[in-house]
Amino acid sequence: MFDQAITKNAKSTLAILGKADILPPKTYLAGGTALAIQLGHRISYDLDFFTNENFDRQTILPKLGQLQFSTRYRGDES
């Protein structure tokens, strides 16, 4: 693992999210950041989480906002 591939803020955010019990079970880190941690090929600044579970974004987003996290949601709106 190349933990130098993410910023101190990203490391802190991961630690907070790990303790906060906000994200649904089986949520995982993915995308370029996950790859950067595994390969160490670049520094990544954002965290992309994915899940196959249903979740209520109207519940999750305000909780993340209370932690003063910047959030963007992209999902199936159907």
PDB file of N, CA and C in Angstrom:
ATOM      1  N   MET A   1       0.841  -1.180   0.000  1.00  0.00           N
ATOM      2  CA  MET A   1       0.000   0.000   0.000  1.00  0.00           C
ATOM      3  C   MET A   1       0.882   1.237   0.000  1.00  0.00           C
ATOM      4  N   PHE A   2       0.524   2.194  -0.823  1.00  0.00           N
ATOM      5  CA  PHE A   2       1.261   3.447  -0.935  1.00  0.00           C
ATOM      6  C   PHE A   2       0.426   4.559  -0.300  1.00  0.00           C
ATOM      7  N   ASP A   3       0.524   4.689   1.014  1.00  0.00           N
ATOM      8  CA  ASP A   3      -0.305   5.709   1.659  1.00  0.00           C
ATOM      9  C   ASP A   3       0.155   7.126   1.344  1.00  0.00           C
ATOM     10  N   GLN A   4       1.343   7.279   0.774  1.00  0.00           N
ATOM     11  CA  GLN A   4       1.788   8.608   0.346  1.00  0.00           C
ATOM     12  C   GLN A   4       1.062   9.058  -0.924  1.00  0.00           C
ATOM     13  N   ALA A   5       0.248   8.185  -1.504  1.00  0.00           N
ATOM     14  CA  ALA A   5      -0.501   8.520  -2.720  1.00  0.00           C
ATOM     15  C   ALA A   5      -1.745   9.354  -2.425  1.00  0.00           C
ATOM     16  N   ILE A   6      -2.077   9.515  -1.134  1.00  0.00           N
ATOM     17  CA  ILE A   6      -3.209  10.371  -0.781  1.00  0.00           C
ATOM     18  C   ILE A   6      -2.743  11.445   0.199  1.00  0.00           C
ATOM     19  N   THR A   7      -3.455  12.539   0.212  1.00  0.00           N
ATOM     20  CA  THR A   7      -3.083  13.675   1.051  1.00  0.00           C
ATOM     21  C   THR A   7      -3.381  13.394   2.526  1.00  0.00           C
ATOM     22  N   LYS A   8      -2.816  14.213   3.386  1.00  0.00           N
ATOM     23  CA  LYS A   8      -3.103  14.096   4.820  1.00  0.00           C
ATOM     24  C   LYS A   8      -4.591  14.293   5.083  1.00  0.00           C
ATOM     25  N   ASN A   9      -5.208  15.224   4.358  1.00  0.00           N
ATOM     26  CA  ASN A   9      -6.650  15.442   4.519  1.00  0.00           C
ATOM     27  C   ASN A   9      -7.447  14.201   4.138  1.00  0.00           C
ATOM     28  N   ALA A  10      -7.057  13.542   3.058  1.00  0.00           N
ATOM     29  CA  ALA A  10      -7.755  12.324   2.636  1.00  0.00           C
ATOM     30  C   ALA A  10      -7.584  11.225   3.678  1.00  0.00           C
ATOM     31  N   LYS A  11      -6.384  11.099   4.239  1.00  0.00           N
ATOM     32  CA  LYS A  11      -6.156  10.099   5.291  1.00  0.00           C
ATOM     33  C   LYS A  11      -7.034  10.383   6.499  1.00  0.00           C
ATOM     34  N   SER A  12      -7.099  11.651   6.890  1.00  0.00           N
ATOM     35  CA  SER A  12      -7.941  12.034   8.026  1.00  0.00           C
ATOM     36  C   SER A  12      -9.406  11.741   7.742  1.00  0.00           C
ATOM     37  N   THR A  13      -9.831  12.049   6.531  1.00  0.00           N
ATOM     38  CA  THR A  13     -11.215  11.805   6.138  1.00  0.00           C
ATOM     39  C   THR A  13     -11.547  10.323   6.205  1.00  0.00           C
ATOM     40  N   LEU A  14     -10.656   9.484   5.707  1.00  0.00           N
ATOM     41  CA  LEU A  14     -10.882   8.036   5.772  1.00  0.00           C
ATOM     42  C   LEU A  14     -10.999   7.567   7.214  1.00  0.00           C
ATOM     43  N   ALA A  15     -10.155   8.092   8.080  1.00  0.00           N
ATOM     44  CA  ALA A  15     -10.206   7.713   9.495  1.00  0.00           C
ATOM     45  C   ALA A  15     -11.532   8.138  10.125  1.00  0.00           C
ATOM     46  N   ILE A  16     -11.971   9.354   9.830  1.00  0.00           N
ATOM     47  CA  ILE A  16     -13.240   9.853  10.376  1.00  0.00           C
ATOM     48  C   ILE A  16     -14.411   9.023   9.866  1.00  0.00           C
ATOM     49  N   LEU A  17     -14.438   8.761   8.569  1.00  0.00           N
ATOM     50  CA  LEU A  17     -15.536   7.971   7.999  1.00  0.00           C
ATOM     51  C   LEU A  17     -15.549   6.552   8.551  1.00  0.00           C
ATOM     52  N   GLY A  18     -14.376   6.009   8.818  1.00  0.00           N
ATOM     53  CA  GLY A  18     -14.299   4.668   9.382  1.00  0.00           C
ATOM     54  C   GLY A  18     -14.929   4.573  10.758  1.00  0.00           C
ATOM     55  N   LYS A  19     -14.864   5.660  11.508  1.00  0.00           N
ATOM     56  CA  LYS A  19     -15.413   5.686  12.867  1.00  0.00           C
ATOM     57  C   LYS A  19     -16.850   6.196  12.915  1.00  0.00           C
ATOM     58  N   ALA A  20     -17.271   6.950  11.902  1.00  0.00           N
ATOM     59  CA  ALA A  20     -18.548   7.664  11.953  1.00  0.00           C
ATOM     60  C   ALA A  20     -19.768   6.792  11.670  1.00  0.00           C
ATOM     61  N   ASP A  21     -19.604   5.646  11.067  1.00  0.00           N
ATOM     62  CA  ASP A  21     -20.727   4.754  10.758  1.00  0.00           C
ATOM     63  C   ASP A  21     -21.819   5.470   9.957  1.00  0.00           C
ATOM     64  N   ILE A  22     -21.392   6.177   8.902  1.00  0.00           N
ATOM     65  CA  ILE A  22     -22.322   6.917   8.052  1.00  0.00           C
ATOM     66  C   ILE A  22     -22.609   6.163   6.759  1.00  0.00           C
ATOM     67  N   LEU A  23     -21.580   5.610   6.168  1.00  0.00           N
ATOM     68  CA  LEU A  23     -21.722   4.948   4.871  1.00  0.00           C
ATOM     69  C   LEU A  23     -22.372   3.581   5.037  1.00  0.00           C
ATOM     70  N   PRO A  24     -23.130   3.143   4.045  1.00  0.00           N
ATOM     71  CA  PRO A  24     -23.789   1.839   4.126  1.00  0.00           C
ATOM     72  C   PRO A  24     -22.770   0.697   4.214  1.00  0.00           C
ATOM     73  N   PRO A  25     -23.191  -0.441   4.768  1.00  0.00           N
ATOM     74  CA  PRO A  25     -22.317  -1.613   4.750  1.00  0.00           C
ATOM     75  C   PRO A  25     -21.929  -1.955   3.312  1.00  0.00           C
ATOM     76  N   LYS A  26     -20.793  -2.532   3.152  1.00  0.00           N
ATOM     77  CA  LYS A  26     -20.269  -2.965   1.852  1.00  0.00           C
ATOM     78  C   LYS A  26     -19.951  -1.786   0.930  1.00  0.00           C
ATOM     79  N   THR A  27     -19.754  -0.603   1.488  1.00  0.00           N
ATOM     80  CA  THR A  27     -19.279   0.541   0.713  1.00  0.00           C
ATOM     81  C   THR A  27     -17.770   0.409   0.593  1.00  0.00           C
ATOM     82  N   TYR A  28     -17.239   0.710  -0.576  1.00  0.00           N
ATOM     83  CA  TYR A  28     -15.799   0.553  -0.769  1.00  0.00           C
ATOM     84  C   TYR A  28     -15.211   1.735  -1.528  1.00  0.00           C
ATOM     85  N   LEU A  29     -13.933   1.966  -1.274  1.00  0.00           N
ATOM     86  CA  LEU A  29     -13.182   2.998  -1.969  1.00  0.00           C
ATOM     87  C   LEU A  29     -12.818   2.465  -3.344  1.00  0.00           C
ATOM     88  N   ALA A  30     -13.043   3.271  -4.375  1.00  0.00           N
ATOM     89  CA  ALA A  30     -12.786   2.821  -5.744  1.00  0.00           C
ATOM     90  C   ALA A  30     -12.223   3.975  -6.554  1.00  0.00           C
ATOM     91  N   GLY A  31     -12.138   3.784  -7.843  1.00  0.00           N
ATOM     92  CA  GLY A  31     -11.677   4.842  -8.731  1.00  0.00           C
ATOM     93  C   GLY A  31     -10.174   5.054  -8.675  1.00  0.00           C
ATOM     94  N   GLY A  32      -9.768   6.218  -9.128  1.00  0.00           N
ATOM     95  CA  GLY A  32      -8.351   6.539  -9.237  1.00  0.00           C
ATOM     96  C   GLY A  32      -7.629   6.559  -7.910  1.00  0.00           C
ATOM     97  N   THR A  33      -8.317   6.967  -6.848  1.00  0.00           N
ATOM     98  CA  THR A  33      -7.685   7.010  -5.537  1.00  0.00           C
ATOM     99  C   THR A  33      -7.351   5.608  -5.048  1.00  0.00           C
ATOM    100  N   ALA A  34      -8.283   4.693  -5.186  1.00  0.00           N
ATOM    101  CA  ALA A  34      -8.022   3.315  -4.770  1.00  0.00           C
ATOM    102  C   ALA A  34      -6.855   2.731  -5.556  1.00  0.00           C
ATOM    103  N   LEU A  35      -6.821   3.019  -6.841  1.00  0.00           N
ATOM    104  CA  LEU A  35      -5.721   2.543  -7.680  1.00  0.00           C
ATOM    105  C   LEU A  35      -4.399   3.184  -7.266  1.00  0.00           C
ATOM    106  N   ALA A  36      -4.420   4.472  -6.974  1.00  0.00           N
ATOM    107  CA  ALA A  36      -3.195   5.167  -6.564  1.00  0.00           C
ATOM    108  C   ALA A  36      -2.645   4.595  -5.264  1.00  0.00           C
ATOM    109  N   ILE A  37      -3.522   4.237  -4.335  1.00  0.00           N
ATOM    110  CA  ILE A  37      -3.068   3.644  -3.077  1.00  0.00           C
ATOM    111  C   ILE A  37      -2.405   2.297  -3.337  1.00  0.00           C
ATOM    112  N   GLN A  38      -2.916   1.537  -4.292  1.00  0.00           N
ATOM    113  CA  GLN A  38      -2.347   0.227  -4.610  1.00  0.00           C
ATOM    114  C   GLN A  38      -1.066   0.318  -5.432  1.00  0.00           C
ATOM    115  N   LEU A  39      -1.017   1.255  -6.383  1.00  0.00           N
ATOM    116  CA  LEU A  39       0.121   1.328  -7.308  1.00  0.00           C
ATOM    117  C   LEU A  39       1.134   2.414  -6.970  1.00  0.00           C
ATOM    118  N   GLY A  40       0.695   3.438  -6.266  1.00  0.00           N
ATOM    119  CA  GLY A  40       1.586   4.536  -5.915  1.00  0.00           C
ATOM    120  C   GLY A  40       2.043   5.361  -7.101  1.00  0.00           C
ATOM    121  N   HIS A  41       1.269   5.379  -8.161  1.00  0.00           N
ATOM    122  CA  HIS A  41       1.690   6.029  -9.403  1.00  0.00           C
ATOM    123  C   HIS A  41       1.379   7.523  -9.449  1.00  0.00           C
ATOM    124  N   ARG A  42       0.579   8.018  -8.498  1.00  0.00           N
ATOM    125  CA  ARG A  42       0.244   9.443  -8.492  1.00  0.00           C
ATOM    126  C   ARG A  42      -0.342   9.809  -7.140  1.00  0.00           C
ATOM    127  N   ILE A  43      -0.475  11.090  -6.908  1.00  0.00           N
ATOM    128  CA  ILE A  43      -1.144  11.575  -5.707  1.00  0.00           C
ATOM    129  C   ILE A  43      -2.596  11.857  -6.068  1.00  0.00           C
ATOM    130  N   SER A  44      -3.494  11.432  -5.213  1.00  0.00           N
ATOM    131  CA  SER A  44      -4.918  11.613  -5.446  1.00  0.00           C
ATOM    132  C   SER A  44      -5.500  12.488  -4.346  1.00  0.00           C
ATOM    133  N   TYR A  45      -6.481  13.300  -4.710  1.00  0.00           N
ATOM    134  CA  TYR A  45      -7.043  14.270  -3.778  1.00  0.00           C
ATOM    135  C   TYR A  45      -8.492  14.008  -3.394  1.00  0.00           C
ATOM    136  N   ASP A  46      -9.192  13.181  -4.144  1.00  0.00           N
ATOM    137  CA  ASP A  46     -10.598  12.932  -3.837  1.00  0.00           C
ATOM    138  C   ASP A  46     -10.796  11.484  -3.437  1.00  0.00           C
ATOM    139  N   LEU A  47     -11.942  11.208  -2.861  1.00  0.00           N
ATOM    140  CA  LEU A  47     -12.289   9.854  -2.438  1.00  0.00           C
ATOM    141  C   LEU A  47     -13.594   9.465  -3.120  1.00  0.00           C
ATOM    142  N   ASP A  48     -13.564   8.374  -3.855  1.00  0.00           N
ATOM    143  CA  ASP A  48     -14.746   7.877  -4.562  1.00  0.00           C
ATOM    144  C   ASP A  48     -15.217   6.596  -3.886  1.00  0.00           C
ATOM    145  N   PHE A  49     -16.431   6.624  -3.376  1.00  0.00           N
ATOM    146  CA  PHE A  49     -16.996   5.453  -2.719  1.00  0.00           C
ATOM    147  C   PHE A  49     -18.109   4.877  -3.571  1.00  0.00           C
ATOM    148  N   PHE A  50     -18.163   3.564  -3.606  1.00  0.00           N
ATOM    149  CA  PHE A  50     -19.177   2.846  -4.376  1.00  0.00           C
ATOM    150  C   PHE A  50     -19.851   1.822  -3.474  1.00  0.00           C
ATOM    151  N   THR A  51     -21.099   1.508  -3.795  1.00  0.00           N
ATOM    152  CA  THR A  51     -21.813   0.443  -3.110  1.00  0.00           C
ATOM    153  C   THR A  51     -22.885  -0.114  -4.041  1.00  0.00           C
ATOM    154  N   ASN A  52     -23.183  -1.377  -3.879  1.00  0.00           N
ATOM    155  CA  ASN A  52     -24.299  -1.992  -4.597  1.00  0.00           C
ATOM    156  C   ASN A  52     -25.561  -1.978  -3.747  1.00  0.00           C
ATOM    157  N   GLU A  53     -25.418  -1.557  -2.504  1.00  0.00           N
ATOM    158  CA  GLU A  53     -26.543  -1.516  -1.579  1.00  0.00           C
ATOM    159  C   GLU A  53     -27.396  -0.280  -1.846  1.00  0.00           C
ATOM    160  N   ASN A  54     -28.679  -0.391  -1.566  1.00  0.00           N
ATOM    161  CA  ASN A  54     -29.549   0.779  -1.605  1.00  0.00           C
ATOM    162  C   ASN A  54     -29.257   1.637  -0.386  1.00  0.00           C
ATOM    163  N   PHE A  55     -29.300   2.944  -0.577  1.00  0.00           N
ATOM    164  CA  PHE A  55     -29.131   3.829   0.565  1.00  0.00           C
ATOM    165  C   PHE A  55     -29.918   5.103   0.336  1.00  0.00           C
ATOM    166  N   ASP A  56     -30.186   5.780   1.411  1.00  0.00           N
ATOM    167  CA  ASP A  56     -30.959   7.018   1.360  1.00  0.00           C
ATOM    168  C   ASP A  56     -29.995   8.193   1.395  1.00  0.00           C
ATOM    169  N   ARG A  57     -29.746   8.788   0.238  1.00  0.00           N
ATOM    170  CA  ARG A  57     -28.784   9.893   0.186  1.00  0.00           C
ATOM    171  C   ARG A  57     -29.278  11.095   0.970  1.00  0.00           C
ATOM    172  N   GLN A  58     -30.600  11.218   1.148  1.00  0.00           N
ATOM    173  CA  GLN A  58     -31.141  12.328   1.934  1.00  0.00           C
ATOM    174  C   GLN A  58     -30.766  12.198   3.411  1.00  0.00           C
ATOM    175  N   THR A  59     -30.380  11.016   3.829  1.00  0.00           N
ATOM    176  CA  THR A  59     -29.907  10.795   5.193  1.00  0.00           C
ATOM    177  C   THR A  59     -28.394  10.948   5.274  1.00  0.00           C
ATOM    178  N   ILE A  60     -27.697  10.408   4.294  1.00  0.00           N
ATOM    179  CA  ILE A  60     -26.231  10.393   4.324  1.00  0.00           C
ATOM    180  C   ILE A  60     -25.627  11.776   4.077  1.00  0.00           C
ATOM    181  N   LEU A  61     -26.102  12.494   3.075  1.00  0.00           N
ATOM    182  CA  LEU A  61     -25.486  13.773   2.712  1.00  0.00           C
ATOM    183  C   LEU A  61     -25.520  14.799   3.842  1.00  0.00           C
ATOM    184  N   PRO A  62     -26.630  14.957   4.573  1.00  0.00           N
ATOM    185  CA  PRO A  62     -26.597  15.897   5.699  1.00  0.00           C
ATOM    186  C   PRO A  62     -25.603  15.491   6.795  1.00  0.00           C
ATOM    187  N   LYS A  63     -25.467  14.195   7.034  1.00  0.00           N
ATOM    188  CA  LYS A  63     -24.496  13.734   8.035  1.00  0.00           C
ATOM    189  C   LYS A  63     -23.077  14.062   7.604  1.00  0.00           C
ATOM    190  N   LEU A  64     -22.796  13.877   6.319  1.00  0.00           N
ATOM    191  CA  LEU A  64     -21.471  14.243   5.816  1.00  0.00           C
ATOM    192  C   LEU A  64     -21.266  15.752   5.908  1.00  0.00           C
ATOM    193  N   GLY A  65     -22.321  16.503   5.645  1.00  0.00           N
ATOM    194  CA  GLY A  65     -22.247  17.953   5.762  1.00  0.00           C
ATOM    195  C   GLY A  65     -21.969  18.399   7.190  1.00  0.00           C
ATOM    196  N   GLN A  66     -22.536  17.696   8.170  1.00  0.00           N
ATOM    197  CA  GLN A  66     -22.282  18.014   9.576  1.00  0.00           C
ATOM    198  C   GLN A  66     -20.811  17.816   9.922  1.00  0.00           C
ATOM    199  N   LEU A  67     -20.172  16.902   9.223  1.00  0.00           N
ATOM    200  CA  LEU A  67     -18.737  16.674   9.427  1.00  0.00           C
ATOM    201  C   LEU A  67     -17.904  17.638   8.589  1.00  0.00           C
ATOM    202  N   GLN A  68     -18.577  18.549   7.891  1.00  0.00           N
ATOM    203  CA  GLN A  68     -17.960  19.571   7.050  1.00  0.00           C
ATOM    204  C   GLN A  68     -17.207  18.974   5.868  1.00  0.00           C
ATOM    205  N   PHE A  69     -17.757  17.898   5.320  1.00  0.00           N
ATOM    206  CA  PHE A  69     -17.198  17.301   4.117  1.00  0.00           C
ATOM    207  C   PHE A  69     -17.882  17.894   2.894  1.00  0.00           C
ATOM    208  N   SER A  70     -17.125  18.080   1.862  1.00  0.00           N
ATOM    209  CA  SER A  70     -17.677  18.477   0.576  1.00  0.00           C
ATOM    210  C   SER A  70     -18.124  17.203  -0.129  1.00  0.00           C
ATOM    211  N   THR A  71     -19.353  17.179  -0.626  1.00  0.00           N
ATOM    212  CA  THR A  71     -19.872  15.955  -1.238  1.00  0.00           C
ATOM    213  C   THR A  71     -20.463  16.230  -2.606  1.00  0.00           C
ATOM    214  N   ARG A  72     -20.366  15.219  -3.438  1.00  0.00           N
ATOM    215  CA  ARG A  72     -21.069  15.179  -4.717  1.00  0.00           C
ATOM    216  C   ARG A  72     -21.640  13.788  -4.846  1.00  0.00           C
ATOM    217  N   TYR A  73     -22.857  13.711  -5.292  1.00  0.00           N
ATOM    218  CA  TYR A  73     -23.515  12.423  -5.472  1.00  0.00           C
ATOM    219  C   TYR A  73     -23.812  12.230  -6.940  1.00  0.00           C
ATOM    220  N   ARG A  74     -23.464  11.063  -7.423  1.00  0.00           N
ATOM    221  CA  ARG A  74     -23.832  10.702  -8.792  1.00  0.00           C
ATOM    222  C   ARG A  74     -24.360   9.275  -8.740  1.00  0.00           C
ATOM    223  N   GLY A  75     -25.601   9.123  -9.109  1.00  0.00           N
ATOM    224  CA  GLY A  75     -26.192   7.798  -9.068  1.00  0.00           C
ATOM    225  C   GLY A  75     -27.382   7.712  -9.988  1.00  0.00           C
ATOM    226  N   ASP A  76     -27.973   6.562 -10.009  1.00  0.00           N
ATOM    227  CA  ASP A  76     -29.142   6.315 -10.840  1.00  0.00           C
ATOM    228  C   ASP A  76     -30.331   7.043 -10.234  1.00  0.00           C
ATOM    229  N   GLU A  77     -30.863   7.995 -10.943  1.00  0.00           N
ATOM    230  CA  GLU A  77     -31.969   8.798 -10.440  1.00  0.00           C
ATOM    231  C   GLU A  77     -33.337   8.200 -10.753  1.00  0.00           C
ATOM    232  N   SER A  78     -33.375   7.037 -11.375  1.00  0.00           N
ATOM    233  CA  SER A  78     -34.664   6.440 -11.751  1.00  0.00           C
ATOM    234  C   SER A  78     -35.390   5.852 -10.569  1.00  0.00           C
TER     235      SER A  78
END
